[in-house]
Amino acid sequence: MVSEFYESYRDRHRLAEGWKRRGRKIIGYFCNFTPEELIYAAGFIPVRIRGTTENIGLADKHIPSFYCSYMRGAFDQALKGQYHYLDGVVFPTACDMTRDLFSLWKLNIKLPYYWYLPLPSQSTDSAIEFATHELELFKESLEDFSGNEIKTESLKQAIKTYNKNRSLVGEVYKLGMKDVPPLSGSDVFGITLAGLVMPKDEHSTMVTKLLGSIPNSLESSVNGPRLMVAGNNFESIELLQTIENLGGRIVIDDLDTGSRYYGSKVTEGQEPLKAISERYLREVKCPCKHDAEDRLKRILELARSYRVNGVILVIQKYCDTHLFDRPWIESSLQREGYPVLSIEHSDIGWSSGKFKTMVQAFIEMLE
């Protein structure tokens, strides 16, 4: 069953081409702060722009090599024509690199629609008010581009669709609380990645089917330590598979493309745009917009709920927002009794000797 999720993610460009042939329009987006519900309500398929594990060549002619491998890889794929099916791209205010890449994409990747969404870096009441106004402008731009009015009922239905998907993926994550989780961390990662690049209703159908096929109890074949993987963004599932092959059991994550993306809902029953603003500004914990204390609180809550024995921090090189906070996060976790392994990466080398040696030593220390 999980193989279907892997295949959907691996074949995401081919799937998108099929949607285009059937008359659907596709909007690419960056970052967890893009309010997909609005894009969905306008009749578009929101698709997360992803990085690559391939060699980066074309992008380095336009941007410095000290940009993170995710932004460089995504831009490189676009320059190579991998995202030729997109009708537009949305860039929200996030890290400095996201801001910089907006103009470069617009200059070099000719698409009919671009939108920069200036969301505040705070979550006060005045920030929510400002964000709600910006979402209204975003809504109007989507209506102009699509030719479809985004009615209140359509937006409420989009919120329900996304909340249902978050709830279903939340059920997948809850399986990690069991003494013997029926899914590996790498399997869960494959499930979450698929949800970034396909319509949410289709992904929900797949997750519902998967949950119905999982047995209630399993015998454990792995007795290794229970681990959390936390950090920002990486492309290769090989990272998690290497940890598991060395005996670690990944039971939960705190990742941009994992539990941080799926872990909170938009409040239903109130004014939709304000509810969306509150969810994206207050509940999606990221160093771009939240203090390290808020994010540490979330990590500790997950660590306790999932009874983890250690934490592996995985952060991309040159991701200043995460790297600035890493020393304090690491020392704070250690004071709370959680051993930590910190790793910087560029989306390659997960099965190499250095990474394997570091992880193996960490796991042996925990056993």
Protein backbone atom coordinates (compact mmCIF):
# COMPACT_ATOMS: atom_id res chain seq x y z
CA MET A 1 0.00 0.00 0.00
CA VAL A 2 2.71 2.50 0.94
CA SER A 3 4.35 1.92 -2.44
CA GLU A 4 1.46 3.82 -4.06
CA PHE A 5 2.46 6.94 -2.14
CA TYR A 6 6.10 6.54 -3.15
CA GLU A 7 5.08 6.14 -6.78
CA SER A 8 2.78 9.18 -6.70
CA TYR A 9 5.58 11.36 -5.38
CA ARG A 10 8.23 9.94 -7.70
CA ASP A 11 5.95 10.37 -10.72
CA ARG A 12 4.59 13.76 -9.64
CA HIS A 13 5.56 15.55 -12.87
CA ARG A 14 3.95 12.86 -15.03
CA LEU A 15 0.80 12.96 -12.90
CA ALA A 16 0.64 16.73 -13.22
CA GLU A 17 0.92 16.47 -16.99
CA GLY A 18 -2.10 14.13 -16.90
CA TRP A 19 -4.13 16.65 -14.92
CA LYS A 20 -3.22 19.31 -17.47
CA ARG A 21 -4.41 17.11 -20.33
CA ARG A 22 -7.73 16.78 -18.52
CA GLY A 23 -8.08 20.56 -18.37
CA ARG A 24 -6.96 21.20 -14.79
CA LYS A 25 -4.77 24.16 -13.90
CA ILE A 26 -1.87 23.86 -11.47
CA ILE A 27 -0.34 26.43 -9.14
CA GLY A 28 3.07 25.72 -7.64
CA TYR A 29 3.92 27.11 -4.23
CA PHE A 30 6.76 27.37 -1.75
CA CYS A 31 6.72 26.94 2.00
CA ASN A 32 4.18 25.97 4.65
CA PHE A 33 2.90 29.55 4.82
CA THR A 34 1.09 29.39 1.47
CA PRO A 35 -2.70 29.22 2.15
CA GLU A 36 -3.51 26.35 -0.18
CA GLU A 37 -7.19 26.47 0.70
CA LEU A 38 -7.59 29.65 -1.39
CA ILE A 39 -5.82 28.12 -4.38
CA TYR A 40 -7.94 24.99 -4.10
CA ALA A 41 -11.18 26.98 -3.78
CA ALA A 42 -10.31 28.86 -6.99
CA GLY A 43 -10.30 25.56 -8.90
CA PHE A 44 -6.52 25.05 -9.12
CA ILE A 45 -4.46 22.10 -7.93
CA PRO A 46 -1.82 23.37 -5.46
CA VAL A 47 1.50 21.55 -5.89
CA ARG A 48 4.48 22.01 -3.58
CA ILE A 49 7.71 22.94 -5.40
CA ARG A 50 10.34 20.42 -4.32
CA GLY A 51 14.10 20.10 -4.43
CA THR A 52 16.29 17.47 -6.03
CA THR A 53 19.03 14.99 -5.26
CA GLU A 54 20.53 15.46 -8.72
CA ASN A 55 23.55 17.61 -9.51
CA ILE A 56 22.67 21.30 -9.68
CA GLY A 57 24.05 23.08 -12.73
CA LEU A 58 21.84 25.71 -14.33
CA ALA A 59 20.74 27.36 -11.08
CA ASP A 60 24.31 28.08 -10.03
CA LYS A 61 24.67 30.39 -13.02
CA HIS A 62 22.03 32.64 -11.46
CA ILE A 63 22.38 32.32 -7.67
CA PRO A 64 25.31 31.83 -5.26
CA SER A 65 26.25 28.34 -4.15
CA PHE A 66 25.67 29.35 -0.53
CA TYR A 67 21.90 29.29 -1.08
CA CYS A 68 20.32 26.19 0.44
CA SER A 69 20.20 23.10 -1.73
CA TYR A 70 16.39 23.11 -1.65
CA MET A 71 16.02 26.53 -3.28
CA ARG A 72 18.87 25.89 -5.69
CA GLY A 73 17.48 22.48 -6.61
CA ALA A 74 13.95 23.75 -7.14
CA PHE A 75 15.14 26.60 -9.36
CA ASP A 76 17.42 24.23 -11.25
CA GLN A 77 14.50 21.91 -12.02
CA ALA A 78 12.42 24.83 -13.24
CA LEU A 79 15.23 26.03 -15.52
CA LYS A 80 15.46 22.50 -16.95
CA GLY A 81 11.74 22.52 -17.75
CA GLN A 82 10.59 20.03 -15.11
CA TYR A 83 7.79 22.39 -14.03
CA HIS A 84 6.62 23.25 -17.54
CA TYR A 85 3.04 22.33 -16.62
CA LEU A 86 2.64 25.09 -14.02
CA ASP A 87 0.18 27.90 -14.64
CA GLY A 88 1.67 29.99 -11.87
CA VAL A 89 3.71 30.10 -8.67
CA VAL A 90 3.05 31.62 -5.25
CA PHE A 91 5.87 32.84 -3.00
CA PRO A 92 4.94 33.71 0.60
CA THR A 93 7.14 35.79 2.88
CA ALA A 94 9.40 33.30 4.60
CA CYS A 95 13.21 33.15 4.60
CA ASP A 96 15.46 35.57 2.71
CA MET A 97 16.10 33.02 -0.01
CA THR A 98 12.38 32.62 -0.71
CA ARG A 99 12.11 36.39 -1.11
CA ASP A 100 15.12 36.53 -3.44
CA LEU A 101 13.99 33.66 -5.64
CA PHE A 102 10.64 35.29 -6.42
CA SER A 103 12.19 37.83 -8.79
CA LEU A 104 14.57 35.28 -10.32
CA TRP A 105 11.77 32.83 -11.07
CA LYS A 106 9.65 35.59 -12.53
CA LEU A 107 12.54 36.76 -14.74
CA ASN A 108 13.62 33.34 -15.99
CA ILE A 109 10.55 31.06 -15.80
CA LYS A 110 7.80 32.47 -18.01
CA LEU A 111 4.44 31.65 -16.44
CA PRO A 112 1.10 33.45 -16.74
CA TYR A 113 0.66 33.97 -12.99
CA TYR A 114 2.97 34.99 -10.15
CA TRP A 115 2.03 36.20 -6.70
CA TYR A 116 4.13 37.32 -3.78
CA LEU A 117 2.23 37.00 -0.49
CA PRO A 118 3.65 39.36 2.18
CA LEU A 119 2.71 37.71 5.46
CA PRO A 120 3.92 39.32 8.71
CA SER A 121 6.56 37.72 10.91
CA GLN A 122 4.43 37.98 14.04
CA SER A 123 1.17 36.45 15.19
CA THR A 124 -0.39 39.34 17.11
CA ASP A 125 -3.98 40.42 16.57
CA SER A 126 -2.80 43.30 14.35
CA ALA A 127 -0.67 40.84 12.35
CA ILE A 128 -3.72 38.63 11.85
CA GLU A 129 -5.68 41.66 10.65
CA PHE A 130 -2.93 42.56 8.18
CA ALA A 131 -2.64 38.97 6.93
CA THR A 132 -6.41 38.74 6.44
CA HIS A 133 -6.27 41.85 4.25
CA GLU A 134 -3.42 40.34 2.21
CA LEU A 135 -5.39 37.12 1.77
CA GLU A 136 -8.29 39.15 0.41
CA LEU A 137 -5.95 40.63 -2.21
CA PHE A 138 -4.61 37.14 -2.96
CA LYS A 139 -8.18 35.87 -3.31
CA GLU A 140 -9.01 38.65 -5.78
CA SER A 141 -5.92 37.89 -7.86
CA LEU A 142 -6.85 34.20 -8.06
CA GLU A 143 -10.37 35.14 -9.11
CA ASP A 144 -9.05 37.42 -11.85
CA PHE A 145 -6.66 34.76 -13.13
CA SER A 146 -9.07 31.83 -12.96
CA GLY A 147 -12.21 33.69 -13.99
CA ASN A 148 -13.96 32.00 -11.07
CA GLU A 149 -15.44 33.75 -8.08
CA ILE A 150 -14.26 32.22 -4.81
CA LYS A 151 -17.52 32.07 -2.93
CA THR A 152 -17.63 31.74 0.83
CA GLU A 153 -19.12 28.26 0.59
CA SER A 154 -16.37 27.14 -1.80
CA LEU A 155 -13.73 28.39 0.61
CA LYS A 156 -15.42 26.67 3.55
CA GLN A 157 -15.52 23.43 1.58
CA ALA A 158 -11.82 23.77 0.75
CA ILE A 159 -11.09 24.25 4.46
CA LYS A 160 -13.04 21.07 5.26
CA THR A 161 -11.17 19.15 2.55
CA TYR A 162 -7.80 20.22 3.92
CA ASN A 163 -8.80 19.66 7.54
CA LYS A 164 -9.98 16.15 6.69
CA ASN A 165 -6.64 15.40 5.08
CA ARG A 166 -4.77 16.73 8.11
CA SER A 167 -6.91 14.57 10.40
CA LEU A 168 -6.25 11.43 8.35
CA VAL A 169 -2.51 12.01 8.24
CA GLY A 170 -2.72 12.70 11.97
CA GLU A 171 -4.11 9.18 12.39
CA VAL A 172 -1.07 7.87 10.52
CA TYR A 173 1.22 9.75 12.90
CA LYS A 174 -0.63 8.40 15.95
CA LEU A 175 0.44 4.90 14.92
CA GLY A 176 3.94 5.89 15.98
CA MET A 177 2.78 6.06 19.61
CA LYS A 178 2.33 2.29 19.68
CA ASP A 179 4.96 0.07 21.26
CA VAL A 180 5.35 -1.52 17.84
CA PRO A 181 4.53 1.08 15.15
CA PRO A 182 3.09 -0.68 12.08
CA LEU A 183 4.69 1.84 9.72
CA SER A 184 8.33 2.87 9.56
CA GLY A 185 9.34 6.50 9.68
CA SER A 186 10.41 6.33 6.05
CA ASP A 187 6.98 4.97 5.10
CA VAL A 188 5.27 7.86 6.89
CA PHE A 189 7.61 10.27 5.10
CA GLY A 190 6.55 8.80 1.76
CA ILE A 191 2.89 9.25 2.71
CA THR A 192 3.37 12.89 3.70
CA LEU A 193 5.40 13.77 0.61
CA ALA A 194 2.70 12.42 -1.70
CA GLY A 195 0.20 14.75 -0.06
CA LEU A 196 2.28 17.77 -1.07
CA VAL A 197 2.01 17.13 -4.81
CA MET A 198 -1.49 15.81 -5.45
CA PRO A 199 -5.10 16.93 -4.86
CA LYS A 200 -5.99 16.61 -1.21
CA ASP A 201 -9.19 14.65 -1.84
CA GLU A 202 -7.24 12.01 -3.79
CA HIS A 203 -4.58 11.82 -1.08
CA SER A 204 -7.26 11.47 1.60
CA THR A 205 -8.80 8.55 -0.28
CA MET A 206 -5.42 6.82 -0.40
CA VAL A 207 -4.74 7.44 3.30
CA THR A 208 -8.21 6.15 4.28
CA LYS A 209 -7.59 2.96 2.33
CA LEU A 210 -4.16 2.55 3.93
CA LEU A 211 -5.49 3.00 7.48
CA GLY A 212 -8.12 0.36 6.82
CA SER A 213 -5.50 -2.17 5.78
CA ILE A 214 -3.17 -1.86 8.80
CA PRO A 215 -3.40 -4.73 11.32
CA ASN A 216 -4.19 -3.89 14.94
CA SER A 217 -1.10 -5.60 16.33
CA LEU A 218 2.32 -6.58 15.10
CA GLU A 219 5.32 -8.44 16.44
CA SER A 220 8.41 -6.31 16.60
CA SER A 221 11.44 -7.24 14.52
CA VAL A 222 13.29 -4.07 15.56
CA ASN A 223 14.28 -3.31 19.14
CA GLY A 224 16.25 -0.16 18.51
CA PRO A 225 15.72 3.23 20.18
CA ARG A 226 12.68 5.35 19.41
CA LEU A 227 13.81 8.43 17.51
CA MET A 228 12.49 11.80 16.42
CA VAL A 229 13.84 13.47 13.29
CA ALA A 230 13.50 17.26 13.46
CA GLY A 231 14.64 20.09 11.22
CA ASN A 232 13.59 21.81 8.06
CA ASN A 233 13.57 20.20 4.63
CA PHE A 234 15.22 17.37 2.74
CA GLU A 235 14.42 15.57 -0.46
CA SER A 236 15.77 12.04 -0.15
CA ILE A 237 13.98 9.31 1.76
CA GLU A 238 17.39 7.63 1.87
CA LEU A 239 18.16 9.65 5.01
CA LEU A 240 15.44 7.92 7.00
CA GLN A 241 16.06 4.53 5.46
CA THR A 242 19.72 4.69 6.46
CA ILE A 243 18.77 5.45 10.07
CA GLU A 244 16.34 2.53 10.08
CA ASN A 245 18.81 0.17 8.46
CA LEU A 246 21.17 0.93 11.33
CA GLY A 247 18.54 -0.06 13.90
CA GLY A 248 16.79 3.20 14.75
CA ARG A 249 12.99 3.40 14.93
CA ILE A 250 11.71 6.76 13.71
CA VAL A 251 8.35 7.21 15.45
CA ILE A 252 7.72 10.94 14.89
CA ASP A 253 9.12 13.96 13.07
CA ASP A 254 9.09 17.73 13.38
CA LEU A 255 9.73 18.62 9.74
CA ASP A 256 8.51 21.26 7.29
CA THR A 257 7.09 18.55 5.05
CA GLY A 258 5.90 16.34 7.89
CA SER A 259 4.05 16.93 11.14
CA ARG A 260 4.55 20.72 11.02
CA TYR A 261 2.71 20.80 7.68
CA TYR A 262 -0.12 18.46 8.70
CA GLY A 263 -0.28 19.14 12.42
CA SER A 264 -2.85 21.92 12.76
CA LYS A 265 -6.23 22.76 11.28
CA VAL A 266 -8.10 25.85 10.19
CA THR A 267 -10.90 26.61 12.63
CA GLU A 268 -14.24 25.96 10.97
CA GLY A 269 -17.35 27.99 11.71
CA GLN A 270 -15.77 31.43 11.68
CA GLU A 271 -14.92 33.96 8.96
CA PRO A 272 -12.77 31.87 6.56
CA LEU A 273 -10.00 34.33 5.68
CA LYS A 274 -9.38 35.27 9.31
CA ALA A 275 -9.42 31.61 10.33
CA ILE A 276 -6.88 30.80 7.61
CA SER A 277 -4.68 33.71 8.75
CA GLU A 278 -4.75 32.48 12.35
CA ARG A 279 -3.83 28.94 11.40
CA TYR A 280 -0.91 29.84 9.16
CA LEU A 281 0.55 32.56 11.40
CA ARG A 282 -0.01 30.99 14.81
CA GLU A 283 0.07 27.24 14.37
CA VAL A 284 2.77 26.53 11.77
CA LYS A 285 5.86 26.78 13.97
CA CYS A 286 8.87 27.87 11.93
CA PRO A 287 11.95 29.95 12.87
CA CYS A 288 11.06 32.37 10.07
CA LYS A 289 8.14 33.59 12.17
CA HIS A 290 8.29 32.00 15.63
CA ASP A 291 10.61 32.15 18.62
CA ALA A 292 12.75 29.15 19.39
CA GLU A 293 10.89 28.78 22.71
CA ASP A 294 7.61 28.11 20.88
CA ARG A 295 9.19 25.52 18.65
CA LEU A 296 11.03 23.83 21.52
CA LYS A 297 7.73 23.49 23.38
CA ARG A 298 6.23 21.68 20.37
CA ILE A 299 9.26 19.40 19.98
CA LEU A 300 9.19 18.47 23.67
CA GLU A 301 5.46 17.73 23.56
CA LEU A 302 6.02 15.37 20.63
CA ALA A 303 9.05 13.77 22.26
CA ARG A 304 7.06 12.99 25.41
CA SER A 305 3.94 11.80 23.61
CA TYR A 306 5.93 9.44 21.39
CA ARG A 307 8.34 8.36 24.15
CA VAL A 308 11.43 9.06 22.10
CA ASN A 309 14.89 8.12 23.31
CA GLY A 310 16.80 10.61 21.17
CA VAL A 311 16.47 13.37 18.60
CA ILE A 312 18.26 13.74 15.27
CA LEU A 313 18.36 17.35 14.08
CA VAL A 314 18.67 17.48 10.30
CA ILE A 315 19.19 20.97 8.89
CA GLN A 316 20.18 22.08 5.40
CA LYS A 317 23.44 23.94 5.02
CA TYR A 318 22.99 27.72 4.70
CA CYS A 319 19.50 27.67 6.23
CA ASP A 320 20.23 30.59 8.53
CA THR A 321 16.86 30.65 10.29
CA HIS A 322 17.19 27.06 11.53
CA LEU A 323 20.94 27.18 12.08
CA PHE A 324 20.73 30.28 14.28
CA ASP A 325 18.39 28.45 16.67
CA ARG A 326 20.02 25.05 16.52
CA PRO A 327 22.58 25.43 19.36
CA TRP A 328 19.91 26.57 21.83
CA ILE A 329 17.39 23.93 20.69
CA GLU A 330 20.05 21.24 20.98
CA SER A 331 21.25 22.25 24.45
CA SER A 332 17.68 22.68 25.70
CA LEU A 333 16.74 19.18 24.55
CA GLN A 334 19.80 17.77 26.25
CA ARG A 335 18.89 19.53 29.51
CA GLU A 336 15.49 17.85 29.26
CA GLY A 337 17.21 14.47 29.01
CA TYR A 338 17.08 13.91 25.26
CA PRO A 339 20.38 13.02 23.55
CA VAL A 340 20.79 14.90 20.25
CA LEU A 341 22.66 14.23 17.02
CA SER A 342 22.98 17.35 14.82
CA ILE A 343 23.59 17.03 11.08
CA GLU A 344 23.95 19.61 8.31
CA HIS A 345 23.36 18.42 4.77
CA SER A 346 23.00 19.33 1.10
CA ASP A 347 20.49 16.61 0.15
CA ILE A 348 23.16 14.07 -0.79
CA GLY A 349 25.41 11.49 0.89
CA TRP A 350 22.95 9.80 3.24
CA SER A 351 24.31 6.32 2.69
CA SER A 352 27.97 7.41 2.76
CA GLY A 353 30.41 6.34 5.45
CA LYS A 354 30.45 9.60 7.42
CA PHE A 355 26.70 9.83 7.91
CA LYS A 356 26.36 6.11 8.66
CA THR A 357 29.15 6.26 11.21
CA MET A 358 27.59 9.24 13.01
CA VAL A 359 24.15 7.62 13.17
CA GLN A 360 25.50 4.22 14.17
CA ALA A 361 27.49 5.73 17.02
CA PHE A 362 24.45 7.70 18.18
CA ILE A 363 22.20 4.63 18.16
CA GLU A 364 24.77 2.56 20.04
CA MET A 365 24.98 5.30 22.65
CA LEU A 366 21.22 5.12 23.18
CA GLU A 367 21.03 1.35 23.46
